[in-house]
Amino acid sequence: MNWNEVIGQKEVQERLMQMVSEDRLPHALMLCGPQGVGKMALAMAFGCQLLDDGRTSSKAMLDKLEHPDLHFTYPTIKLPSMSSDHKPVSDDFARDWHDLIMDGPYFTMDDWMQAMGGENQQAIITAGESDDLVRKLSLKSSQGGYKVSLVWLPERMNIECANKLLKLIEEPPQQTVFIMVCEEPDKLLETIRSRVQRIDVKKIDDVSIEQALVAQRGVSEDAAHRIARLANGSWLKAMEELQVGSENEQFLDMFISLMRLAYQKRIKDLRKWSEVMAGFGREKQKRWLTYFLRMTRENFMYNFQQEDLIYMTQKEEDFARNFARFVNEGNILPINELANRAFRDIGQNANAKIVFFDFALQMIVLLLQK
């Protein structure tokens, strides 16, 4: 793992390397920021940089992320095969974790849960993990340099684990560097937050995402430009947009169908449309309503012909070209209120067929408002 695998974030890279060159590297760092901006990529690249002593053997181990002085800590689950008194630790899932990170440093908790086979459980970092970490870090460095402890999502530590880790951070073993990758720092103990140097990782700039899409994924420059703007600084979001037959394509089809049928006042077909929506399942229904809100906003903004204000795919823009004029100052707020109300009703387990048929009927009226 090296800096070339980090998309954008040059400012953070330079800051980290400056700490090393000026010999003021803290014993505990915490990279904070939203999902998909490359916190884990930065942490892994920096950890490997600290452990790279120039020897061929070290480089080979780092390339495979199997260096004996690189220790990963991450949330785990309890499998049915584990005994009742066993506290799950990272080593229990070491092979699954290694497979995941070797696929790339950009992934989500959902990806990790799927890799562990525990989609319906709550992953945490247990007190057993902190005991394991104390044992590992008490040993001398196998290569004579740093020992790097990379903790992914420390906010998922239970209180017993957090207190034990706090003691370890307060009195760190010699030449040990803790690198934490955190998305919700407010959930961490204040005593831990006060003892680490926090670095906020901002969203990835659009240009870096565009360049990576072209270079790594073979995307055309025009498509890369659109995807980068839709990604809103997240490489994970950019990857979602690339997926063939993605959910958003289905959502666009449902959005287009609704608008055309409502404009044509085809009541029977709108009932069929609502039945299709009812078959999606509640979480997917809420995702579609979120998509609907975004699309109405984008169509409203399209009327102003300001490219820097519009975030749509080519297919979405193709539809907006003729439809956008129907979303205007007279109905944008009522449309948003309608969608938010439907979102609330679905969240409260209302009958989805009734909710979406009523939603569709009201769109007939709202599309005529000017």
Protein backbone atom coordinates (compact mmCIF):
# COMPACT_ATOMS: atom_id res chain seq x y z
CA MET A 1 0.00 0.00 0.00
CA ASN A 2 1.45 3.35 -1.01
CA TRP A 3 0.43 6.95 -1.59
CA ASN A 4 -0.44 6.25 -5.24
CA GLU A 5 -3.53 4.39 -4.09
CA VAL A 6 -4.85 7.44 -2.25
CA ILE A 7 -7.21 9.54 -4.37
CA GLY A 8 -6.58 13.24 -3.86
CA GLN A 9 -5.96 14.41 -0.27
CA LYS A 10 -2.51 15.81 -1.11
CA GLU A 11 -2.78 18.35 1.69
CA VAL A 12 -3.24 15.64 4.33
CA GLN A 13 -0.45 13.55 2.83
CA GLU A 14 1.93 16.48 2.99
CA ARG A 15 0.94 17.25 6.57
CA LEU A 16 1.60 13.68 7.66
CA MET A 17 4.96 13.48 5.96
CA GLN A 18 5.96 16.86 7.35
CA MET A 19 5.40 15.51 10.86
CA VAL A 20 7.90 12.76 10.14
CA SER A 21 10.49 14.98 8.46
CA GLU A 22 10.35 17.50 11.31
CA ASP A 23 10.53 14.71 13.92
CA ARG A 24 7.29 15.73 15.62
CA LEU A 25 5.17 12.68 14.93
CA PRO A 26 2.60 12.22 17.76
CA HIS A 27 2.13 8.77 19.23
CA ALA A 28 -1.60 8.88 18.45
CA LEU A 29 -3.35 10.32 15.38
CA MET A 30 -7.04 10.30 14.50
CA LEU A 31 -8.20 10.84 10.93
CA CYS A 32 -11.80 12.07 10.95
CA GLY A 33 -14.20 12.68 8.10
CA PRO A 34 -17.24 11.41 6.20
CA GLN A 35 -17.45 8.04 4.52
CA GLY A 36 -15.65 7.56 1.22
CA VAL A 37 -13.12 10.40 1.45
CA GLY A 38 -10.10 8.12 1.87
CA LYS A 39 -9.35 8.12 5.60
CA MET A 40 -8.47 4.42 5.59
CA ALA A 41 -6.40 4.83 2.43
CA LEU A 42 -4.41 7.63 4.08
CA ALA A 43 -3.97 5.64 7.29
CA MET A 44 -2.76 2.52 5.49
CA ALA A 45 -0.42 4.42 3.20
CA PHE A 46 1.04 6.38 6.10
CA GLY A 47 1.39 3.27 8.26
CA CYS A 48 3.24 1.50 5.47
CA GLN A 49 5.45 4.55 4.97
CA LEU A 50 6.46 4.48 8.65
CA LEU A 51 7.32 0.78 8.44
CA ASP A 52 9.21 0.97 5.15
CA ASP A 53 12.87 0.70 6.09
CA GLY A 54 14.07 0.36 2.52
CA ARG A 55 14.71 -3.35 2.69
CA THR A 56 13.28 -5.57 -0.02
CA SER A 57 11.83 -7.95 2.56
CA SER A 58 9.93 -5.14 4.28
CA LYS A 59 8.56 -3.84 0.99
CA ALA A 60 7.34 -7.30 0.03
CA MET A 61 5.51 -7.67 3.36
CA LEU A 62 3.99 -4.21 3.09
CA ASP A 63 2.82 -4.85 -0.46
CA LYS A 64 0.82 -7.78 0.91
CA LEU A 65 -0.16 -5.86 4.08
CA GLU A 66 1.38 -8.67 6.11
CA HIS A 67 4.11 -6.77 7.96
CA PRO A 68 4.47 -8.16 11.53
CA ASP A 69 4.62 -4.65 13.01
CA LEU A 70 1.39 -3.51 11.34
CA HIS A 71 -1.55 -4.32 13.62
CA PHE A 72 -5.17 -3.84 12.55
CA THR A 73 -8.06 -3.38 14.98
CA TYR A 74 -11.65 -3.31 13.71
CA PRO A 75 -15.23 -4.03 14.81
CA THR A 76 -16.24 -7.69 14.97
CA ILE A 77 -19.30 -9.83 15.65
CA LYS A 78 -19.94 -12.98 17.63
CA LEU A 79 -20.41 -16.04 15.47
CA PRO A 80 -22.65 -18.96 16.53
CA SER A 81 -19.56 -21.18 16.56
CA MET A 82 -17.92 -19.11 19.31
CA SER A 83 -18.23 -20.13 22.95
CA SER A 84 -20.48 -18.08 25.23
CA ASP A 85 -17.57 -16.60 27.19
CA HIS A 86 -15.45 -15.72 24.15
CA LYS A 87 -14.95 -12.04 23.43
CA PRO A 88 -14.50 -11.70 19.65
CA VAL A 89 -11.22 -10.10 18.54
CA SER A 90 -9.84 -8.95 15.22
CA ASP A 91 -7.66 -12.05 14.86
CA ASP A 92 -10.83 -14.16 14.69
CA PHE A 93 -11.57 -12.52 11.33
CA ALA A 94 -8.02 -11.86 10.13
CA ARG A 95 -8.39 -13.71 6.84
CA ASP A 96 -11.68 -12.00 5.95
CA TRP A 97 -10.18 -8.61 6.84
CA HIS A 98 -7.05 -9.23 4.78
CA ASP A 99 -9.14 -10.20 1.75
CA LEU A 100 -11.19 -7.01 2.14
CA ILE A 101 -8.28 -4.56 2.43
CA MET A 102 -6.33 -6.23 -0.37
CA ASP A 103 -9.28 -5.44 -2.65
CA GLY A 104 -8.67 -1.77 -1.91
CA PRO A 105 -8.69 0.75 0.94
CA TYR A 106 -12.14 2.17 0.09
CA PHE A 107 -14.94 0.20 1.73
CA THR A 108 -17.86 0.56 4.13
CA MET A 109 -19.09 -1.10 7.30
CA ASP A 110 -21.72 -2.83 5.16
CA ASP A 111 -18.92 -4.33 3.05
CA TRP A 112 -17.17 -5.54 6.19
CA MET A 113 -20.35 -6.96 7.70
CA GLN A 114 -20.98 -8.89 4.51
CA ALA A 115 -17.41 -10.22 4.56
CA MET A 116 -17.91 -11.47 8.14
CA GLY A 117 -21.32 -12.93 7.32
CA GLY A 118 -23.15 -10.94 9.96
CA GLU A 119 -25.34 -8.42 8.15
CA ASN A 120 -27.99 -8.54 10.88
CA GLN A 121 -25.68 -8.04 13.85
CA GLN A 122 -24.08 -5.01 15.50
CA ALA A 123 -20.30 -4.97 15.13
CA ILE A 124 -18.25 -3.67 18.07
CA ILE A 125 -14.69 -3.62 19.33
CA THR A 126 -14.64 -5.66 22.55
CA ALA A 127 -12.55 -5.54 25.70
CA GLY A 128 -10.92 -8.73 24.47
CA GLU A 129 -9.51 -6.71 21.58
CA SER A 130 -7.82 -4.20 23.88
CA ASP A 131 -6.27 -7.06 25.88
CA ASP A 132 -5.00 -8.56 22.64
CA LEU A 133 -3.57 -5.22 21.54
CA VAL A 134 -1.75 -4.73 24.86
CA ARG A 135 -0.12 -8.12 24.39
CA LYS A 136 0.91 -7.46 20.78
CA LEU A 137 2.31 -3.98 21.38
CA SER A 138 4.26 -5.04 24.47
CA LEU A 139 6.53 -7.07 22.20
CA LYS A 140 9.58 -5.49 20.58
CA SER A 141 9.37 -4.41 16.98
CA SER A 142 10.28 -7.38 14.81
CA GLN A 143 12.09 -5.16 12.31
CA GLY A 144 13.65 -2.73 14.79
CA GLY A 145 11.52 0.29 13.81
CA TYR A 146 8.03 1.53 14.48
CA LYS A 147 5.05 -0.55 15.54
CA VAL A 148 1.85 0.75 13.94
CA SER A 149 -1.57 0.13 15.45
CA LEU A 150 -4.29 1.03 12.94
CA VAL A 151 -7.73 1.23 14.55
CA TRP A 152 -10.69 1.37 12.17
CA LEU A 153 -13.84 2.97 13.64
CA PRO A 154 -12.73 3.36 17.28
CA GLU A 155 -16.16 4.87 18.03
CA ARG A 156 -17.45 1.28 18.00
CA MET A 157 -15.42 0.33 21.09
CA ASN A 158 -17.49 -0.69 24.08
CA ILE A 159 -16.78 1.25 27.26
CA GLU A 160 -14.52 -1.43 28.79
CA CYS A 161 -12.39 -1.53 25.65
CA ALA A 162 -12.25 2.26 25.43
CA ASN A 163 -10.99 2.59 28.99
CA LYS A 164 -8.29 0.00 28.44
CA LEU A 165 -7.21 1.63 25.18
CA LEU A 166 -7.06 4.98 26.96
CA LYS A 167 -4.45 3.60 29.36
CA LEU A 168 -2.47 2.26 26.43
CA ILE A 169 -2.52 5.65 24.70
CA GLU A 170 -1.54 7.43 27.90
CA GLU A 171 1.49 5.18 28.33
CA PRO A 172 2.27 3.95 24.80
CA PRO A 173 4.87 1.24 24.27
CA GLN A 174 8.15 2.45 22.80
CA GLN A 175 8.10 3.43 19.11
CA THR A 176 4.38 2.72 18.80
CA VAL A 177 2.14 4.90 16.67
CA PHE A 178 -1.64 4.67 16.88
CA ILE A 179 -3.55 5.71 13.76
CA MET A 180 -7.32 5.85 14.24
CA VAL A 181 -9.82 6.12 11.41
CA CYS A 182 -13.00 7.67 12.75
CA GLU A 183 -16.33 8.74 11.24
CA GLU A 184 -18.20 9.73 14.43
CA PRO A 185 -15.63 11.21 16.83
CA ASP A 186 -18.34 12.56 19.15
CA LYS A 187 -19.10 8.98 20.17
CA LEU A 188 -15.57 8.50 21.52
CA LEU A 189 -14.64 9.15 25.13
CA GLU A 190 -13.58 12.76 25.60
CA THR A 191 -10.46 11.50 27.39
CA ILE A 192 -9.43 9.62 24.26
CA ARG A 193 -10.21 12.54 21.94
CA SER A 194 -8.07 14.82 24.09
CA ARG A 195 -5.06 12.51 23.85
CA VAL A 196 -4.90 12.12 20.08
CA GLN A 197 -3.98 14.59 17.39
CA ARG A 198 -7.03 14.99 15.21
CA ILE A 199 -6.75 15.56 11.47
CA ASP A 200 -9.97 16.34 9.63
CA VAL A 201 -10.09 14.79 6.16
CA LYS A 202 -12.24 16.82 3.80
CA LYS A 203 -14.17 15.61 0.78
CA ILE A 204 -12.08 14.63 -2.23
CA ASP A 205 -11.87 17.38 -4.83
CA ASP A 206 -13.76 16.73 -8.08
CA VAL A 207 -10.64 16.95 -10.25
CA SER A 208 -8.92 14.11 -8.35
CA ILE A 209 -12.02 11.92 -8.66
CA GLU A 210 -12.26 12.68 -12.37
CA GLN A 211 -8.60 11.83 -12.95
CA ALA A 212 -8.88 8.58 -10.98
CA LEU A 213 -12.00 7.54 -12.91
CA VAL A 214 -10.25 8.09 -16.22
CA ALA A 215 -6.93 6.50 -15.19
CA GLN A 216 -8.17 3.60 -13.05
CA ARG A 217 -11.58 2.82 -14.51
CA GLY A 218 -11.23 3.85 -18.16
CA VAL A 219 -14.19 6.23 -17.93
CA SER A 220 -14.53 8.91 -20.61
CA GLU A 221 -13.68 12.45 -19.54
CA ASP A 222 -17.27 13.68 -19.94
CA ALA A 223 -18.71 10.78 -17.92
CA ALA A 224 -15.98 11.18 -15.31
CA HIS A 225 -16.84 14.87 -14.95
CA ARG A 226 -20.52 14.10 -14.31
CA ILE A 227 -19.80 11.23 -11.92
CA ALA A 228 -17.31 13.32 -9.94
CA ARG A 229 -19.89 16.05 -9.39
CA LEU A 230 -22.52 13.51 -8.34
CA ALA A 231 -20.05 11.79 -6.00
CA ASN A 232 -19.86 14.92 -3.84
CA GLY A 233 -16.33 14.20 -2.67
CA SER A 234 -16.79 10.45 -2.02
CA TRP A 235 -14.93 7.80 -3.99
CA LEU A 236 -17.41 5.20 -2.76
CA LYS A 237 -20.27 7.24 -4.19
CA ALA A 238 -18.39 7.52 -7.47
CA MET A 239 -18.09 3.73 -7.57
CA GLU A 240 -21.83 3.39 -6.93
CA GLU A 241 -22.55 5.64 -9.90
CA LEU A 242 -20.40 3.40 -12.07
CA GLN A 243 -22.28 0.22 -11.29
CA VAL A 244 -24.13 -1.15 -14.28
CA GLY A 245 -27.85 -1.45 -13.64
CA SER A 246 -27.54 0.50 -10.41
CA GLU A 247 -30.53 1.19 -8.22
CA ASN A 248 -30.53 4.82 -9.35
CA GLU A 249 -31.37 3.77 -12.91
CA GLN A 250 -34.44 1.96 -11.64
CA PHE A 251 -35.30 4.95 -9.48
CA LEU A 252 -35.01 7.25 -12.51
CA ASP A 253 -37.38 5.02 -14.48
CA MET A 254 -39.92 5.19 -11.65
CA PHE A 255 -39.51 8.96 -11.41
CA ILE A 256 -40.03 9.40 -15.16
CA SER A 257 -43.05 7.08 -15.15
CA LEU A 258 -44.66 8.97 -12.30
CA MET A 259 -44.21 12.36 -13.93
CA ARG A 260 -45.46 11.26 -17.35
CA LEU A 261 -48.47 9.42 -15.99
CA ALA A 262 -49.37 12.27 -13.64
CA TYR A 263 -49.08 14.83 -16.45
CA GLN A 264 -51.34 12.69 -18.63
CA LYS A 265 -53.76 12.07 -15.71
CA ARG A 266 -53.71 8.30 -16.28
CA ILE A 267 -55.30 7.27 -13.00
CA LYS A 268 -55.42 3.50 -13.63
CA ASP A 269 -51.74 3.43 -14.61
CA LEU A 270 -50.85 5.53 -11.57
CA ARG A 271 -52.53 2.90 -9.39
CA LYS A 272 -50.35 0.24 -11.03
CA TRP A 273 -47.33 2.48 -10.46
CA SER A 274 -48.18 2.72 -6.75
CA GLU A 275 -48.46 -1.07 -6.54
CA VAL A 276 -44.98 -1.45 -8.01
CA MET A 277 -43.66 1.03 -5.46
CA ALA A 278 -45.42 -0.86 -2.66
CA GLY A 279 -43.51 -3.99 -3.67
CA PHE A 280 -40.11 -2.35 -3.14
CA GLY A 281 -39.93 -2.83 0.64
CA ARG A 282 -39.84 0.03 3.12
CA GLU A 283 -36.12 0.80 3.11
CA LYS A 284 -36.02 0.90 -0.68
CA GLN A 285 -39.17 3.04 -0.73
CA LYS A 286 -37.46 5.55 1.55
CA ARG A 287 -34.37 5.54 -0.69
CA TRP A 288 -36.58 6.26 -3.71
CA LEU A 289 -38.25 9.16 -1.91
CA THR A 290 -34.80 10.55 -1.10
CA TYR A 291 -33.93 10.18 -4.78
CA PHE A 292 -37.21 11.88 -5.72
CA LEU A 293 -36.33 14.86 -3.53
CA ARG A 294 -32.94 15.16 -5.17
CA MET A 295 -34.40 14.95 -8.67
CA THR A 296 -37.03 17.60 -8.03
CA ARG A 297 -34.33 19.88 -6.66
CA GLU A 298 -32.11 19.25 -9.70
CA ASN A 299 -34.95 19.85 -12.14
CA PHE A 300 -35.84 23.09 -10.39
CA MET A 301 -32.21 24.26 -10.56
CA TYR A 302 -31.98 23.19 -14.21
CA ASN A 303 -34.33 26.05 -15.10
CA PHE A 304 -31.63 28.54 -14.09
CA GLN A 305 -29.18 27.11 -16.65
CA GLN A 306 -26.26 27.28 -14.21
CA GLU A 307 -24.13 24.19 -14.86
CA ASP A 308 -22.24 24.45 -11.57
CA LEU A 309 -25.53 24.15 -9.66
CA ILE A 310 -26.72 20.97 -11.41
CA TYR A 311 -25.73 17.43 -10.35
CA MET A 312 -27.30 14.93 -12.73
CA THR A 313 -26.26 11.97 -14.84
CA GLN A 314 -26.62 12.23 -18.60
CA LYS A 315 -29.86 10.22 -18.55
CA GLU A 316 -31.29 12.39 -15.79
CA GLU A 317 -30.38 15.55 -17.67
CA ASP A 318 -31.86 14.19 -20.90
CA PHE A 319 -35.22 13.91 -19.15
CA ALA A 320 -34.84 17.24 -17.35
CA ARG A 321 -34.32 19.05 -20.65
CA ASN A 322 -38.05 18.84 -21.42
CA PHE A 323 -39.48 18.23 -17.97
CA ALA A 324 -37.71 20.79 -15.75
CA ARG A 325 -40.11 23.61 -16.59
CA PHE A 326 -42.87 21.76 -14.73
CA VAL A 327 -40.94 22.13 -11.44
CA ASN A 328 -41.06 25.81 -10.59
CA GLU A 329 -41.42 28.44 -7.88
CA GLY A 330 -45.13 27.67 -7.57
CA ASN A 331 -44.84 23.98 -6.73
CA ILE A 332 -41.29 23.13 -5.59
CA LEU A 333 -42.11 23.58 -1.89
CA PRO A 334 -45.44 21.67 -1.96
CA ILE A 335 -43.74 18.84 -3.88
CA ASN A 336 -41.01 18.64 -1.26
CA GLU A 337 -43.58 18.67 1.55
CA LEU A 338 -45.49 15.88 -0.19
CA ALA A 339 -42.38 13.70 -0.48
CA ASN A 340 -41.30 14.35 3.11
CA ARG A 341 -44.76 13.46 4.35
CA ALA A 342 -44.70 10.21 2.37
CA PHE A 343 -41.23 9.46 3.79
CA ARG A 344 -42.60 9.96 7.32
CA ASP A 345 -45.67 7.79 6.65
CA ILE A 346 -43.59 4.94 5.21
CA GLY A 347 -41.28 5.17 8.22
CA GLN A 348 -44.33 4.79 10.46
CA ASN A 349 -45.45 1.62 8.64
CA ALA A 350 -48.41 3.15 6.83
CA ASN A 351 -49.98 1.15 3.99
CA ALA A 352 -47.54 1.70 1.12
CA LYS A 353 -50.15 1.26 -1.65
CA ILE A 354 -52.31 3.99 -0.14
CA VAL A 355 -49.35 6.29 0.53
CA PHE A 356 -47.97 6.08 -2.99
CA PHE A 357 -51.33 6.20 -4.78
CA ASP A 358 -52.21 9.34 -2.85
CA PHE A 359 -48.71 10.66 -3.61
CA ALA A 360 -49.25 10.04 -7.34
CA LEU A 361 -52.71 11.65 -7.40
CA GLN A 362 -51.44 14.79 -5.70
CA MET A 363 -48.63 15.04 -8.26
CA ILE A 364 -51.30 15.52 -10.94
CA VAL A 365 -52.41 18.73 -9.21
CA LEU A 366 -48.94 19.95 -8.32
CA LEU A 367 -47.55 19.62 -11.85
CA LEU A 368 -50.23 22.05 -13.06
CA GLN A 369 -49.27 24.75 -10.54
CA LYS A 370 -47.26 27.70 -11.83
